[in-house]
Amino acid sequence: MAMLDYAVKLTERPSDMIESDIEQLREVGFKDRAILDINQIVAYFAYVNRIADGLGVDLEDFRDNR
């Protein structure tokens, strides 16, 4: 659950992230490499969604063009 809480906060309120958000992940057993992976995956999806939104890409349009 800690990972999901972290992902939601990073997605919805990235400017509110603080060191204790990372510490909570460490406390439940995540190593630094895993925390980096979580962070990169969340950031990647945010990036891709913003690119698609900025270009007006509609998921339905994508499916129709395959």
C-alpha atoms as a PDB file:
ATOM      1  CA  MET A   1       0.000   0.000   0.000  1.00  0.00           C
ATOM      2  CA  ALA A   2       2.921   2.339   0.691  1.00  0.00           C
ATOM      3  CA  MET A   3       4.028   2.059  -2.931  1.00  0.00           C
ATOM      4  CA  LEU A   4       0.554   2.944  -4.188  1.00  0.00           C
ATOM      5  CA  ASP A   5       0.274   5.882  -1.791  1.00  0.00           C
ATOM      6  CA  TYR A   6       3.640   7.135  -3.038  1.00  0.00           C
ATOM      7  CA  ALA A   7       2.608   6.719  -6.686  1.00  0.00           C
ATOM      8  CA  VAL A   8      -0.686   8.554  -6.190  1.00  0.00           C
ATOM      9  CA  LYS A   9       0.975  11.444  -4.373  1.00  0.00           C
ATOM     10  CA  LEU A  10       3.728  11.727  -6.988  1.00  0.00           C
ATOM     11  CA  THR A  11       1.117  11.732  -9.739  1.00  0.00           C
ATOM     12  CA  GLU A  12      -1.383  14.119  -8.197  1.00  0.00           C
ATOM     13  CA  ARG A  13       0.793  16.388  -6.037  1.00  0.00           C
ATOM     14  CA  PRO A  14       4.435  16.108  -7.117  1.00  0.00           C
ATOM     15  CA  SER A  15       5.423  19.400  -5.506  1.00  0.00           C
ATOM     16  CA  ASP A  16       4.299  18.021  -2.112  1.00  0.00           C
ATOM     17  CA  MET A  17       6.800  15.144  -2.130  1.00  0.00           C
ATOM     18  CA  ILE A  18       9.115  15.161   0.887  1.00  0.00           C
ATOM     19  CA  GLU A  19      11.869  12.938   2.265  1.00  0.00           C
ATOM     20  CA  SER A  20       9.461  11.131   4.576  1.00  0.00           C
ATOM     21  CA  ASP A  21       7.594   9.805   1.512  1.00  0.00           C
ATOM     22  CA  ILE A  22      10.754   7.923   0.579  1.00  0.00           C
ATOM     23  CA  GLU A  23      11.421   6.916   4.172  1.00  0.00           C
ATOM     24  CA  GLN A  24       7.982   5.292   4.356  1.00  0.00           C
ATOM     25  CA  LEU A  25       8.929   3.097   1.404  1.00  0.00           C
ATOM     26  CA  ARG A  26      12.203   2.141   3.066  1.00  0.00           C
ATOM     27  CA  GLU A  27      10.385   1.294   6.300  1.00  0.00           C
ATOM     28  CA  VAL A  28       8.260  -1.314   4.527  1.00  0.00           C
ATOM     29  CA  GLY A  29      11.299  -2.868   2.861  1.00  0.00           C
ATOM     30  CA  PHE A  30      11.863  -1.099  -0.450  1.00  0.00           C
ATOM     31  CA  LYS A  31      15.525  -0.624  -1.317  1.00  0.00           C
ATOM     32  CA  ASP A  32      16.751   2.524  -3.024  1.00  0.00           C
ATOM     33  CA  ARG A  33      16.874   0.838  -6.435  1.00  0.00           C
ATOM     34  CA  ALA A  34      13.237  -0.238  -6.132  1.00  0.00           C
ATOM     35  CA  ILE A  35      12.241   3.277  -5.039  1.00  0.00           C
ATOM     36  CA  LEU A  36      14.022   4.685  -8.086  1.00  0.00           C
ATOM     37  CA  ASP A  37      12.188   2.199 -10.306  1.00  0.00           C
ATOM     38  CA  ILE A  38       8.823   3.157  -8.800  1.00  0.00           C
ATOM     39  CA  ASN A  39       9.612   6.824  -9.292  1.00  0.00           C
ATOM     40  CA  GLN A  40      10.699   6.349 -12.896  1.00  0.00           C
ATOM     41  CA  ILE A  41       7.634   4.302 -13.826  1.00  0.00           C
ATOM     42  CA  VAL A  42       5.245   6.845 -12.318  1.00  0.00           C
ATOM     43  CA  ALA A  43       7.099   9.707 -13.998  1.00  0.00           C
ATOM     44  CA  TYR A  44       7.181   7.894 -17.346  1.00  0.00           C
ATOM     45  CA  PHE A  45       3.427   7.364 -17.387  1.00  0.00           C
ATOM     46  CA  ALA A  46       2.852  11.010 -16.423  1.00  0.00           C
ATOM     47  CA  TYR A  47       5.174  12.058 -19.264  1.00  0.00           C
ATOM     48  CA  VAL A  48       3.527   9.829 -21.865  1.00  0.00           C
ATOM     49  CA  ASN A  49       0.045  10.938 -20.840  1.00  0.00           C
ATOM     50  CA  ARG A  50       1.021  14.600 -21.119  1.00  0.00           C
ATOM     51  CA  ILE A  51       2.523  14.038 -24.554  1.00  0.00           C
ATOM     52  CA  ALA A  52      -0.651  12.267 -25.710  1.00  0.00           C
ATOM     53  CA  ASP A  53      -2.899  14.918 -24.177  1.00  0.00           C
ATOM     54  CA  GLY A  54      -0.798  17.714 -25.670  1.00  0.00           C
ATOM     55  CA  LEU A  55      -1.076  16.197 -29.121  1.00  0.00           C
ATOM     56  CA  GLY A  56      -4.759  15.444 -28.774  1.00  0.00           C
ATOM     57  CA  VAL A  57      -4.239  11.701 -29.052  1.00  0.00           C
ATOM     58  CA  ASP A  58      -7.400   9.787 -28.215  1.00  0.00           C
ATOM     59  CA  LEU A  59      -7.031   6.182 -27.087  1.00  0.00           C
ATOM     60  CA  GLU A  60      -9.955   5.221 -29.314  1.00  0.00           C
ATOM     61  CA  ASP A  61      -8.179   6.782 -32.328  1.00  0.00           C
ATOM     62  CA  PHE A  62      -5.086   4.720 -31.512  1.00  0.00           C
ATOM     63  CA  ARG A  63      -7.042   1.479 -31.339  1.00  0.00           C
ATOM     64  CA  ASP A  64      -8.772   2.191 -34.657  1.00  0.00           C
ATOM     65  CA  ASN A  65      -5.440   2.775 -36.443  1.00  0.00           C
ATOM     66  CA  ARG A  66      -3.733  -0.488 -35.475  1.00  0.00           C
END
